[in-house]
Amino acid sequence: MKWPEALAGFARFLRGERGFSEHTQRAYLADVRQLAEFSGKSPVRMDADDVRAFLAGQHRARSPATLGRRLASLRAFFRWLVREGAREADPTLGLPAPRAPRPLPRPIAVDDVTALLDTPPAPGAPARGAVRDQALFELMYGAGLRVAEIVALDVRDLDPVRGEVRVWGKGGKERVVPLPEAARNALRAYLDERRGPGVLAEPLFVSLNSARGAKPGRLDVRDARRRLRKRALQAGLAGRIHPHRMRHSYATHLLDMGADLRAIQELLGHSSLSTTQRYTAVSAERLVAVYDKAHPRAKRSGAPKQPPARES
């Protein structure tokens, strides 16, 4: 099997059997193409030394997270070749993945989320776009969805009677997430603006930039991120605000209010509880900060002590 045939078959495998997002498919294929350009050998003749040399040459230029993803891409590719009978062994077996400390999630403070959601649209903004954006932001925070999950929703994925949304997450896994009242109201107002024949099969969030007379296209991930950044600037929020921070905030605030960790795992669509457990560390840090600030016995030893007041 030569490279063009192997890459085309691997692309079909990723798209049809693994159910990866388009972003992940592009990343995996790009990683395998880089290996092909680096080695020059056919995919059936490569060995473990070729893979090691490829990864070693990128250690200085790439982060451990990127290297880990590239190793995952190559593993998926060679396992697919073995399954297809093009190879007898997987040359990535036994190769350790680079380890990197996972940064803790950075949630947005509750007051800042409230300010963002309550900020009115900019003067002169189209009314339809303002209603759509409000529904978009309320859904980001109210359901904790990934931005790719949000833009992939169709109108029929909403259940307005039960107040739920059906989501297709990573790996094609389906889950149902309840919606708070604010999100339900915002979505209802948005759908009232665009009611029409066959609307249930249409994308939930559509772009307003379609050509005149053309059917509105699906809102894309980049535009959703851009809309959120613009709203955050209007609200006067400092720091980088992006959709995944809204998701982090959803999970952290639920945990702070006493929600069960297993329930949060189901709501977020995490396959492993260890992924969800990162939010417990965030909540613990916040508790320590509150304690250090408020408790009289939490003063640091290096702080200057006040002399006792003299009795008169």
C-alpha atoms as a PDB file:
ATOM      1  CA  MET A   1       0.000   0.000   0.000  1.00  0.00           C
ATOM      2  CA  LYS A   2       1.399   3.391  -1.022  1.00  0.00           C
ATOM      3  CA  TRP A   3       0.883   6.712   0.729  1.00  0.00           C
ATOM      4  CA  PRO A   4      -1.970   8.162  -1.400  1.00  0.00           C
ATOM      5  CA  GLU A   5      -4.012   4.986  -0.977  1.00  0.00           C
ATOM      6  CA  ALA A   6      -3.179   4.754   2.741  1.00  0.00           C
ATOM      7  CA  LEU A   7      -4.100   8.378   3.457  1.00  0.00           C
ATOM      8  CA  ALA A   8      -7.376   8.115   1.548  1.00  0.00           C
ATOM      9  CA  GLY A   9      -8.327   4.924   3.388  1.00  0.00           C
ATOM     10  CA  PHE A  10      -7.356   6.357   6.778  1.00  0.00           C
ATOM     11  CA  ALA A  11      -9.472   9.452   6.071  1.00  0.00           C
ATOM     12  CA  ARG A  12     -12.487   7.244   5.333  1.00  0.00           C
ATOM     13  CA  PHE A  13     -11.835   5.301   8.541  1.00  0.00           C
ATOM     14  CA  LEU A  14     -11.681   8.448  10.680  1.00  0.00           C
ATOM     15  CA  ARG A  15     -14.805   9.893   9.099  1.00  0.00           C
ATOM     16  CA  GLY A  16     -16.949   6.761   8.938  1.00  0.00           C
ATOM     17  CA  GLU A  17     -15.946   4.555  11.862  1.00  0.00           C
ATOM     18  CA  ARG A  18     -14.356   6.686  14.558  1.00  0.00           C
ATOM     19  CA  GLY A  19     -16.845   9.532  14.379  1.00  0.00           C
ATOM     20  CA  PHE A  20     -14.171  12.143  15.042  1.00  0.00           C
ATOM     21  CA  SER A  21     -14.934  15.833  14.586  1.00  0.00           C
ATOM     22  CA  GLU A  22     -13.736  17.502  11.398  1.00  0.00           C
ATOM     23  CA  HIS A  23     -11.050  19.325  13.400  1.00  0.00           C
ATOM     24  CA  THR A  24      -9.674  16.038  14.815  1.00  0.00           C
ATOM     25  CA  GLN A  25      -9.800  14.367  11.404  1.00  0.00           C
ATOM     26  CA  ARG A  26      -7.754  17.187   9.869  1.00  0.00           C
ATOM     27  CA  ALA A  27      -5.225  17.083  12.711  1.00  0.00           C
ATOM     28  CA  TYR A  28      -4.725  13.292  12.501  1.00  0.00           C
ATOM     29  CA  LEU A  29      -4.312  13.358   8.728  1.00  0.00           C
ATOM     30  CA  ALA A  30      -1.868  16.273   8.915  1.00  0.00           C
ATOM     31  CA  ASP A  31       0.253  14.384  11.472  1.00  0.00           C
ATOM     32  CA  VAL A  32       0.415  11.273   9.278  1.00  0.00           C
ATOM     33  CA  ARG A  33       1.279  13.356   6.193  1.00  0.00           C
ATOM     34  CA  GLN A  34       4.166  14.946   8.099  1.00  0.00           C
ATOM     35  CA  LEU A  35       5.463  11.483   8.964  1.00  0.00           C
ATOM     36  CA  ALA A  36       5.304  10.523   5.289  1.00  0.00           C
ATOM     37  CA  GLU A  37       7.261  13.630   4.270  1.00  0.00           C
ATOM     38  CA  PHE A  38       9.839  13.070   7.018  1.00  0.00           C
ATOM     39  CA  SER A  39      10.597   9.426   6.337  1.00  0.00           C
ATOM     40  CA  GLY A  40      10.125   8.870   2.641  1.00  0.00           C
ATOM     41  CA  LYS A  41       9.450   5.171   3.272  1.00  0.00           C
ATOM     42  CA  SER A  42       6.198   3.504   2.350  1.00  0.00           C
ATOM     43  CA  PRO A  43       3.758   3.079   5.280  1.00  0.00           C
ATOM     44  CA  VAL A  44       4.198  -0.704   5.252  1.00  0.00           C
ATOM     45  CA  ARG A  45       8.016  -0.517   5.526  1.00  0.00           C
ATOM     46  CA  MET A  46       8.276   1.929   8.433  1.00  0.00           C
ATOM     47  CA  ASP A  47       9.561   0.685  11.766  1.00  0.00           C
ATOM     48  CA  ALA A  48       9.690   1.949  15.361  1.00  0.00           C
ATOM     49  CA  ASP A  49      12.978   3.769  14.749  1.00  0.00           C
ATOM     50  CA  ASP A  50      11.356   5.846  11.993  1.00  0.00           C
ATOM     51  CA  VAL A  51       8.519   6.880  14.293  1.00  0.00           C
ATOM     52  CA  ARG A  52      10.921   7.680  17.163  1.00  0.00           C
ATOM     53  CA  ALA A  53      13.116   9.794  14.877  1.00  0.00           C
ATOM     54  CA  PHE A  54      10.092  11.717  13.609  1.00  0.00           C
ATOM     55  CA  LEU A  55       8.845  12.528  17.126  1.00  0.00           C
ATOM     56  CA  ALA A  56      12.332  13.253  18.489  1.00  0.00           C
ATOM     57  CA  GLY A  57      12.917  15.854  15.801  1.00  0.00           C
ATOM     58  CA  GLN A  58       9.958  17.855  17.068  1.00  0.00           C
ATOM     59  CA  HIS A  59      10.610  17.883  20.808  1.00  0.00           C
ATOM     60  CA  ARG A  60      12.065  21.388  20.860  1.00  0.00           C
ATOM     61  CA  ALA A  61       9.472  22.980  18.595  1.00  0.00           C
ATOM     62  CA  ARG A  62       6.315  21.334  19.964  1.00  0.00           C
ATOM     63  CA  SER A  63       4.626  21.149  23.340  1.00  0.00           C
ATOM     64  CA  PRO A  64       4.184  17.789  25.088  1.00  0.00           C
ATOM     65  CA  ALA A  65       0.452  18.028  24.417  1.00  0.00           C
ATOM     66  CA  THR A  66       1.028  18.391  20.669  1.00  0.00           C
ATOM     67  CA  LEU A  67       3.546  15.543  20.647  1.00  0.00           C
ATOM     68  CA  GLY A  68       1.088  13.374  22.542  1.00  0.00           C
ATOM     69  CA  ARG A  69      -1.603  14.091  19.992  1.00  0.00           C
ATOM     70  CA  ARG A  70       0.772  13.260  17.148  1.00  0.00           C
ATOM     71  CA  LEU A  71       1.649   9.937  18.720  1.00  0.00           C
ATOM     72  CA  ALA A  72      -2.080   9.218  19.075  1.00  0.00           C
ATOM     73  CA  SER A  73      -2.543  10.032  15.384  1.00  0.00           C
ATOM     74  CA  LEU A  74       0.234   7.649  14.356  1.00  0.00           C
ATOM     75  CA  ARG A  75      -1.057   4.900  16.633  1.00  0.00           C
ATOM     76  CA  ALA A  76      -4.503   5.164  15.086  1.00  0.00           C
ATOM     77  CA  PHE A  77      -3.000   5.073  11.596  1.00  0.00           C
ATOM     78  CA  PHE A  78      -0.771   2.029  12.116  1.00  0.00           C
ATOM     79  CA  ARG A  79      -3.461   0.110  13.994  1.00  0.00           C
ATOM     80  CA  TRP A  80      -5.737   0.720  11.054  1.00  0.00           C
ATOM     81  CA  LEU A  81      -3.041  -0.618   8.678  1.00  0.00           C
ATOM     82  CA  VAL A  82      -2.706  -3.754  10.817  1.00  0.00           C
ATOM     83  CA  ARG A  83      -6.464  -4.232  10.819  1.00  0.00           C
ATOM     84  CA  GLU A  84      -6.533  -3.862   7.028  1.00  0.00           C
ATOM     85  CA  GLY A  85      -3.841  -6.517   6.690  1.00  0.00           C
ATOM     86  CA  ALA A  86      -1.307  -4.112   5.182  1.00  0.00           C
ATOM     87  CA  ARG A  87       1.093  -4.597   8.127  1.00  0.00           C
ATOM     88  CA  GLU A  88       1.797  -7.378  10.588  1.00  0.00           C
ATOM     89  CA  ALA A  89       2.809  -5.182  13.523  1.00  0.00           C
ATOM     90  CA  ASP A  90       2.227  -1.704  14.893  1.00  0.00           C
ATOM     91  CA  PRO A  91       5.560   0.191  15.166  1.00  0.00           C
ATOM     92  CA  THR A  92       4.128   2.561  17.800  1.00  0.00           C
ATOM     93  CA  LEU A  93       3.625  -0.221  20.358  1.00  0.00           C
ATOM     94  CA  GLY A  94       5.605   0.522  23.509  1.00  0.00           C
ATOM     95  CA  LEU A  95       6.361   4.132  22.620  1.00  0.00           C
ATOM     96  CA  PRO A  96       5.645   6.236  25.732  1.00  0.00           C
ATOM     97  CA  ALA A  97       3.487   9.299  25.382  1.00  0.00           C
ATOM     98  CA  PRO A  98       5.144  12.543  26.543  1.00  0.00           C
ATOM     99  CA  ARG A  99       3.843  13.672  29.895  1.00  0.00           C
ATOM    100  CA  ALA A 100       2.913  17.233  30.633  1.00  0.00           C
ATOM    101  CA  PRO A 101       1.186  18.717  33.651  1.00  0.00           C
ATOM    102  CA  ARG A 102      -2.403  19.457  32.747  1.00  0.00           C
ATOM    103  CA  PRO A 103      -3.291  23.048  33.578  1.00  0.00           C
ATOM    104  CA  LEU A 104      -6.277  23.466  35.829  1.00  0.00           C
ATOM    105  CA  PRO A 105      -9.435  24.888  34.268  1.00  0.00           C
ATOM    106  CA  ARG A 106      -9.829  28.651  34.598  1.00  0.00           C
ATOM    107  CA  PRO A 107     -13.474  29.354  35.345  1.00  0.00           C
ATOM    108  CA  ILE A 108     -15.009  32.793  35.095  1.00  0.00           C
ATOM    109  CA  ALA A 109     -16.335  34.275  38.322  1.00  0.00           C
ATOM    110  CA  VAL A 110     -20.102  34.013  38.774  1.00  0.00           C
ATOM    111  CA  ASP A 111     -20.497  37.800  38.838  1.00  0.00           C
ATOM    112  CA  ASP A 112     -18.522  38.128  35.601  1.00  0.00           C
ATOM    113  CA  VAL A 113     -20.652  35.502  33.851  1.00  0.00           C
ATOM    114  CA  THR A 114     -23.746  37.354  35.002  1.00  0.00           C
ATOM    115  CA  ALA A 115     -22.337  40.631  33.696  1.00  0.00           C
ATOM    116  CA  LEU A 116     -21.550  39.027  30.341  1.00  0.00           C
ATOM    117  CA  LEU A 117     -25.010  37.510  29.945  1.00  0.00           C
ATOM    118  CA  ASP A 118     -26.803  40.662  31.119  1.00  0.00           C
ATOM    119  CA  THR A 119     -24.841  43.072  28.906  1.00  0.00           C
ATOM    120  CA  PRO A 120     -27.135  44.548  26.229  1.00  0.00           C
ATOM    121  CA  PRO A 121     -26.094  44.295  22.566  1.00  0.00           C
ATOM    122  CA  ALA A 122     -24.025  47.080  21.061  1.00  0.00           C
ATOM    123  CA  PRO A 123     -25.987  50.068  19.776  1.00  0.00           C
ATOM    124  CA  GLY A 124     -27.010  49.571  16.177  1.00  0.00           C
ATOM    125  CA  ALA A 125     -26.555  45.789  16.266  1.00  0.00           C
ATOM    126  CA  PRO A 126     -29.124  43.876  14.154  1.00  0.00           C
ATOM    127  CA  ALA A 127     -31.992  42.727  16.381  1.00  0.00           C
ATOM    128  CA  ARG A 128     -31.983  39.215  14.937  1.00  0.00           C
ATOM    129  CA  GLY A 129     -28.268  38.814  15.569  1.00  0.00           C
ATOM    130  CA  ALA A 130     -28.633  40.056  19.144  1.00  0.00           C
ATOM    131  CA  VAL A 131     -31.386  37.522  19.882  1.00  0.00           C
ATOM    132  CA  ARG A 132     -29.320  34.722  18.351  1.00  0.00           C
ATOM    133  CA  ASP A 133     -26.187  35.677  20.288  1.00  0.00           C
ATOM    134  CA  GLN A 134     -28.074  35.811  23.583  1.00  0.00           C
ATOM    135  CA  ALA A 135     -29.404  32.290  23.007  1.00  0.00           C
ATOM    136  CA  LEU A 136     -25.910  31.144  22.029  1.00  0.00           C
ATOM    137  CA  PHE A 137     -24.269  32.494  25.195  1.00  0.00           C
ATOM    138  CA  GLU A 138     -27.045  31.289  27.509  1.00  0.00           C
ATOM    139  CA  LEU A 139     -26.649  27.790  26.049  1.00  0.00           C
ATOM    140  CA  MET A 140     -22.848  27.863  26.428  1.00  0.00           C
ATOM    141  CA  TYR A 141     -23.105  28.544  30.134  1.00  0.00           C
ATOM    142  CA  GLY A 142     -26.486  27.025  30.917  1.00  0.00           C
ATOM    143  CA  ALA A 143     -25.687  23.591  29.466  1.00  0.00           C
ATOM    144  CA  GLY A 144     -21.864  23.540  29.482  1.00  0.00           C
ATOM    145  CA  LEU A 145     -21.619  22.322  25.906  1.00  0.00           C
ATOM    146  CA  ARG A 146     -18.480  22.293  23.803  1.00  0.00           C
ATOM    147  CA  VAL A 147     -18.594  24.942  21.103  1.00  0.00           C
ATOM    148  CA  ALA A 148     -18.402  22.273  18.378  1.00  0.00           C
ATOM    149  CA  GLU A 149     -21.409  20.547  19.962  1.00  0.00           C
ATOM    150  CA  ILE A 150     -23.367  23.804  19.998  1.00  0.00           C
ATOM    151  CA  VAL A 151     -22.849  24.694  16.348  1.00  0.00           C
ATOM    152  CA  ALA A 152     -23.678  21.093  15.332  1.00  0.00           C
ATOM    153  CA  LEU A 153     -27.143  21.250  16.933  1.00  0.00           C
ATOM    154  CA  ASP A 154     -30.270  21.187  14.801  1.00  0.00           C
ATOM    155  CA  VAL A 155     -33.555  22.726  15.873  1.00  0.00           C
ATOM    156  CA  ARG A 156     -35.023  19.235  16.384  1.00  0.00           C
ATOM    157  CA  ASP A 157     -32.384  18.506  19.041  1.00  0.00           C
ATOM    158  CA  LEU A 158     -34.237  20.838  21.405  1.00  0.00           C
ATOM    159  CA  ASP A 159     -37.134  19.573  23.501  1.00  0.00           C
ATOM    160  CA  PRO A 160     -38.915  22.756  24.634  1.00  0.00           C
ATOM    161  CA  VAL A 161     -41.542  20.824  26.598  1.00  0.00           C
ATOM    162  CA  ARG A 162     -39.063  18.938  28.778  1.00  0.00           C
ATOM    163  CA  GLY A 163     -36.493  21.745  28.695  1.00  0.00           C
ATOM    164  CA  GLU A 164     -33.680  19.523  27.377  1.00  0.00           C
ATOM    165  CA  VAL A 165     -31.212  19.406  24.516  1.00  0.00           C
ATOM    166  CA  ARG A 166     -29.882  16.261  22.852  1.00  0.00           C
ATOM    167  CA  VAL A 167     -26.151  16.498  22.174  1.00  0.00           C
ATOM    168  CA  TRP A 168     -23.805  14.383  20.081  1.00  0.00           C
ATOM    169  CA  GLY A 169     -20.426  14.573  21.800  1.00  0.00           C
ATOM    170  CA  LYS A 170     -16.965  13.213  21.152  1.00  0.00           C
ATOM    171  CA  GLY A 171     -16.885   9.793  19.559  1.00  0.00           C
ATOM    172  CA  GLY A 172     -20.518  10.130  18.498  1.00  0.00           C
ATOM    173  CA  LYS A 173     -21.787   9.607  22.051  1.00  0.00           C
ATOM    174  CA  GLU A 174     -25.269  10.928  22.708  1.00  0.00           C
ATOM    175  CA  ARG A 175     -26.353  12.631  25.929  1.00  0.00           C
ATOM    176  CA  VAL A 176     -29.312  14.698  27.076  1.00  0.00           C
ATOM    177  CA  VAL A 177     -28.639  17.884  29.043  1.00  0.00           C
ATOM    178  CA  PRO A 178     -31.270  19.871  30.979  1.00  0.00           C
ATOM    179  CA  LEU A 179     -31.588  23.579  30.284  1.00  0.00           C
ATOM    180  CA  PRO A 180     -32.043  26.281  32.916  1.00  0.00           C
ATOM    181  CA  GLU A 181     -34.924  28.704  32.579  1.00  0.00           C
ATOM    182  CA  ALA A 182     -32.776  31.561  31.244  1.00  0.00           C
ATOM    183  CA  ALA A 183     -31.480  29.367  28.396  1.00  0.00           C
ATOM    184  CA  ARG A 184     -34.983  28.078  27.600  1.00  0.00           C
ATOM    185  CA  ASN A 185     -36.352  31.609  27.413  1.00  0.00           C
ATOM    186  CA  ALA A 186     -33.491  32.862  25.234  1.00  0.00           C
ATOM    187  CA  LEU A 187     -33.810  29.920  22.849  1.00  0.00           C
ATOM    188  CA  ARG A 188     -37.576  30.367  22.643  1.00  0.00           C
ATOM    189  CA  ALA A 189     -37.164  34.036  21.726  1.00  0.00           C
ATOM    190  CA  TYR A 190     -34.568  33.162  19.096  1.00  0.00           C
ATOM    191  CA  LEU A 191     -36.703  30.446  17.482  1.00  0.00           C
ATOM    192  CA  ASP A 192     -39.684  32.769  17.368  1.00  0.00           C
ATOM    193  CA  GLU A 193     -37.568  35.032  15.154  1.00  0.00           C
ATOM    194  CA  ARG A 194     -36.883  32.312  12.580  1.00  0.00           C
ATOM    195  CA  ARG A 195     -39.946  30.059  12.570  1.00  0.00           C
ATOM    196  CA  GLY A 196     -40.747  28.600   9.152  1.00  0.00           C
ATOM    197  CA  PRO A 197     -41.396  25.434   7.069  1.00  0.00           C
ATOM    198  CA  GLY A 198     -39.018  22.569   7.729  1.00  0.00           C
ATOM    199  CA  VAL A 199     -37.285  24.483  10.515  1.00  0.00           C
ATOM    200  CA  LEU A 200     -36.858  21.370  12.695  1.00  0.00           C
ATOM    201  CA  ALA A 201     -34.299  19.898  10.290  1.00  0.00           C
ATOM    202  CA  GLU A 202     -32.323  23.127  10.021  1.00  0.00           C
ATOM    203  CA  PRO A 203     -29.236  24.140  12.006  1.00  0.00           C
ATOM    204  CA  LEU A 204     -30.132  25.651  15.346  1.00  0.00           C
ATOM    205  CA  PHE A 205     -27.647  28.518  15.066  1.00  0.00           C
ATOM    206  CA  VAL A 206     -27.333  30.047  11.608  1.00  0.00           C
ATOM    207  CA  SER A 207     -24.989  32.641  10.188  1.00  0.00           C
ATOM    208  CA  LEU A 208     -26.419  36.020   9.264  1.00  0.00           C
ATOM    209  CA  ASN A 209     -23.805  36.523   6.542  1.00  0.00           C
ATOM    210  CA  SER A 210     -25.440  34.378   3.851  1.00  0.00           C
ATOM    211  CA  ALA A 211     -25.873  35.853   0.414  1.00  0.00           C
ATOM    212  CA  ARG A 212     -29.174  37.615  -0.255  1.00  0.00           C
ATOM    213  CA  GLY A 213     -31.860  35.052  -1.048  1.00  0.00           C
ATOM    214  CA  ALA A 214     -29.675  32.100  -0.045  1.00  0.00           C
ATOM    215  CA  LYS A 215     -30.644  29.677   2.698  1.00  0.00           C
ATOM    216  CA  PRO A 216     -28.827  30.610   5.947  1.00  0.00           C
ATOM    217  CA  GLY A 217     -25.820  28.400   6.622  1.00  0.00           C
ATOM    218  CA  ARG A 218     -24.755  26.893   9.934  1.00  0.00           C
ATOM    219  CA  LEU A 219     -22.863  29.164  12.323  1.00  0.00           C
ATOM    220  CA  ASP A 220     -19.240  27.997  12.505  1.00  0.00           C
ATOM    221  CA  VAL A 221     -16.974  27.595  15.520  1.00  0.00           C
ATOM    222  CA  ARG A 222     -14.785  30.584  14.735  1.00  0.00           C
ATOM    223  CA  ASP A 223     -17.736  32.932  14.447  1.00  0.00           C
ATOM    224  CA  ALA A 224     -19.168  31.659  17.742  1.00  0.00           C
ATOM    225  CA  ARG A 225     -15.834  32.360  19.458  1.00  0.00           C
ATOM    226  CA  ARG A 226     -15.641  35.793  17.869  1.00  0.00           C
ATOM    227  CA  ARG A 227     -19.156  36.693  18.993  1.00  0.00           C
ATOM    228  CA  LEU A 228     -18.344  35.707  22.584  1.00  0.00           C
ATOM    229  CA  ARG A 229     -15.105  37.745  22.617  1.00  0.00           C
ATOM    230  CA  LYS A 230     -17.011  40.772  21.372  1.00  0.00           C
ATOM    231  CA  ARG A 231     -19.651  40.417  24.103  1.00  0.00           C
ATOM    232  CA  ALA A 232     -16.945  40.005  26.775  1.00  0.00           C
ATOM    233  CA  LEU A 233     -15.310  43.257  25.640  1.00  0.00           C
ATOM    234  CA  GLN A 234     -18.673  45.019  25.809  1.00  0.00           C
ATOM    235  CA  ALA A 235     -19.096  43.694  29.361  1.00  0.00           C
ATOM    236  CA  GLY A 236     -15.650  45.034  30.313  1.00  0.00           C
ATOM    237  CA  LEU A 237     -14.293  41.628  31.302  1.00  0.00           C
ATOM    238  CA  ALA A 238     -10.533  41.237  31.609  1.00  0.00           C
ATOM    239  CA  GLY A 239      -8.651  38.184  30.401  1.00  0.00           C
ATOM    240  CA  ARG A 240      -9.312  35.879  27.477  1.00  0.00           C
ATOM    241  CA  ILE A 241     -12.931  34.746  27.393  1.00  0.00           C
ATOM    242  CA  HIS A 242     -13.663  31.794  25.106  1.00  0.00           C
ATOM    243  CA  PRO A 243     -16.386  29.121  24.885  1.00  0.00           C
ATOM    244  CA  HIS A 244     -14.402  26.471  26.755  1.00  0.00           C
ATOM    245  CA  ARG A 245     -14.034  28.814  29.736  1.00  0.00           C
ATOM    246  CA  MET A 246     -17.822  29.047  29.783  1.00  0.00           C
ATOM    247  CA  ARG A 247     -17.896  25.243  29.931  1.00  0.00           C
ATOM    248  CA  HIS A 248     -15.299  25.251  32.744  1.00  0.00           C
ATOM    249  CA  SER A 249     -17.386  27.828  34.595  1.00  0.00           C
ATOM    250  CA  TYR A 250     -20.534  25.710  34.228  1.00  0.00           C
ATOM    251  CA  ALA A 251     -18.819  22.683  35.779  1.00  0.00           C
ATOM    252  CA  THR A 252     -17.023  24.578  38.545  1.00  0.00           C
ATOM    253  CA  HIS A 253     -20.097  26.539  39.602  1.00  0.00           C
ATOM    254  CA  LEU A 254     -22.178  23.344  39.709  1.00  0.00           C
ATOM    255  CA  LEU A 255     -19.558  21.726  41.935  1.00  0.00           C
ATOM    256  CA  ASP A 256     -19.390  24.794  44.182  1.00  0.00           C
ATOM    257  CA  MET A 257     -23.157  24.574  44.651  1.00  0.00           C
ATOM    258  CA  GLY A 258     -22.929  20.957  45.779  1.00  0.00           C
ATOM    259  CA  ALA A 259     -23.640  18.997  42.581  1.00  0.00           C
ATOM    260  CA  ASP A 260     -22.476  15.375  42.517  1.00  0.00           C
ATOM    261  CA  LEU A 261     -19.250  14.755  40.598  1.00  0.00           C
ATOM    262  CA  ARG A 262     -20.732  11.766  38.736  1.00  0.00           C
ATOM    263  CA  ALA A 263     -23.689  13.869  37.646  1.00  0.00           C
ATOM    264  CA  ILE A 264     -21.342  16.575  36.359  1.00  0.00           C
ATOM    265  CA  GLN A 265     -19.417  13.909  34.449  1.00  0.00           C
ATOM    266  CA  GLU A 266     -22.629  12.838  32.694  1.00  0.00           C
ATOM    267  CA  LEU A 267     -23.647  16.411  31.938  1.00  0.00           C
ATOM    268  CA  LEU A 268     -20.246  17.241  30.422  1.00  0.00           C
ATOM    269  CA  GLY A 269     -20.040  14.003  28.444  1.00  0.00           C
ATOM    270  CA  HIS A 270     -16.675  12.993  29.909  1.00  0.00           C
ATOM    271  CA  SER A 271     -15.793   9.345  29.308  1.00  0.00           C
ATOM    272  CA  SER A 272     -13.501   9.289  32.360  1.00  0.00           C
ATOM    273  CA  LEU A 273     -14.241  10.564  35.852  1.00  0.00           C
ATOM    274  CA  SER A 274     -10.593  11.624  36.197  1.00  0.00           C
ATOM    275  CA  THR A 275     -11.212  14.351  33.609  1.00  0.00           C
ATOM    276  CA  THR A 276     -14.091  15.730  35.657  1.00  0.00           C
ATOM    277  CA  GLN A 277     -12.102  15.502  38.886  1.00  0.00           C
ATOM    278  CA  ARG A 278      -9.917  18.413  37.759  1.00  0.00           C
ATOM    279  CA  TYR A 279     -12.753  20.687  38.816  1.00  0.00           C
ATOM    280  CA  THR A 280     -12.473  19.508  42.417  1.00  0.00           C
ATOM    281  CA  ALA A 281      -8.927  20.926  42.498  1.00  0.00           C
ATOM    282  CA  VAL A 282     -10.233  24.253  41.194  1.00  0.00           C
ATOM    283  CA  SER A 283     -12.922  24.361  43.873  1.00  0.00           C
ATOM    284  CA  ALA A 284     -10.389  23.446  46.567  1.00  0.00           C
ATOM    285  CA  GLU A 285      -8.091  26.286  45.464  1.00  0.00           C
ATOM    286  CA  ARG A 286     -11.000  28.715  45.599  1.00  0.00           C
ATOM    287  CA  LEU A 287     -11.896  27.555  49.111  1.00  0.00           C
ATOM    288  CA  VAL A 288      -8.296  28.034  50.252  1.00  0.00           C
ATOM    289  CA  ALA A 289      -8.261  31.545  48.789  1.00  0.00           C
ATOM    290  CA  VAL A 290     -11.481  32.421  50.612  1.00  0.00           C
ATOM    291  CA  TYR A 291     -10.095  30.959  53.851  1.00  0.00           C
ATOM    292  CA  ASP A 292      -6.817  32.846  53.549  1.00  0.00           C
ATOM    293  CA  LYS A 293      -8.646  36.080  52.964  1.00  0.00           C
ATOM    294  CA  ALA A 294     -11.335  35.760  55.628  1.00  0.00           C
ATOM    295  CA  HIS A 295     -10.214  33.567  58.528  1.00  0.00           C
ATOM    296  CA  PRO A 296      -8.428  35.374  61.399  1.00  0.00           C
ATOM    297  CA  ARG A 297      -6.055  32.440  61.987  1.00  0.00           C
ATOM    298  CA  ALA A 298      -5.027  32.235  58.322  1.00  0.00           C
ATOM    299  CA  LYS A 299      -2.696  35.230  58.350  1.00  0.00           C
ATOM    300  CA  ARG A 300       0.698  34.497  56.880  1.00  0.00           C
ATOM    301  CA  SER A 301       3.597  34.196  59.312  1.00  0.00           C
ATOM    302  CA  GLY A 302       5.546  36.800  57.363  1.00  0.00           C
ATOM    303  CA  ALA A 303       2.912  39.472  57.857  1.00  0.00           C
ATOM    304  CA  PRO A 304       3.889  42.183  60.339  1.00  0.00           C
ATOM    305  CA  LYS A 305       2.161  41.847  63.672  1.00  0.00           C
ATOM    306  CA  GLN A 306       0.360  44.759  65.172  1.00  0.00           C
ATOM    307  CA  PRO A 307       1.598  45.709  68.661  1.00  0.00           C
ATOM    308  CA  PRO A 308      -0.982  45.237  71.385  1.00  0.00           C
ATOM    309  CA  ALA A 309      -2.916  48.330  72.348  1.00  0.00           C
ATOM    310  CA  ARG A 310      -1.727  49.992  75.540  1.00  0.00           C
ATOM    311  CA  GLU A 311      -4.098  50.133  78.420  1.00  0.00           C
ATOM    312  CA  SER A 312      -4.780  53.643  79.562  1.00  0.00           C
END
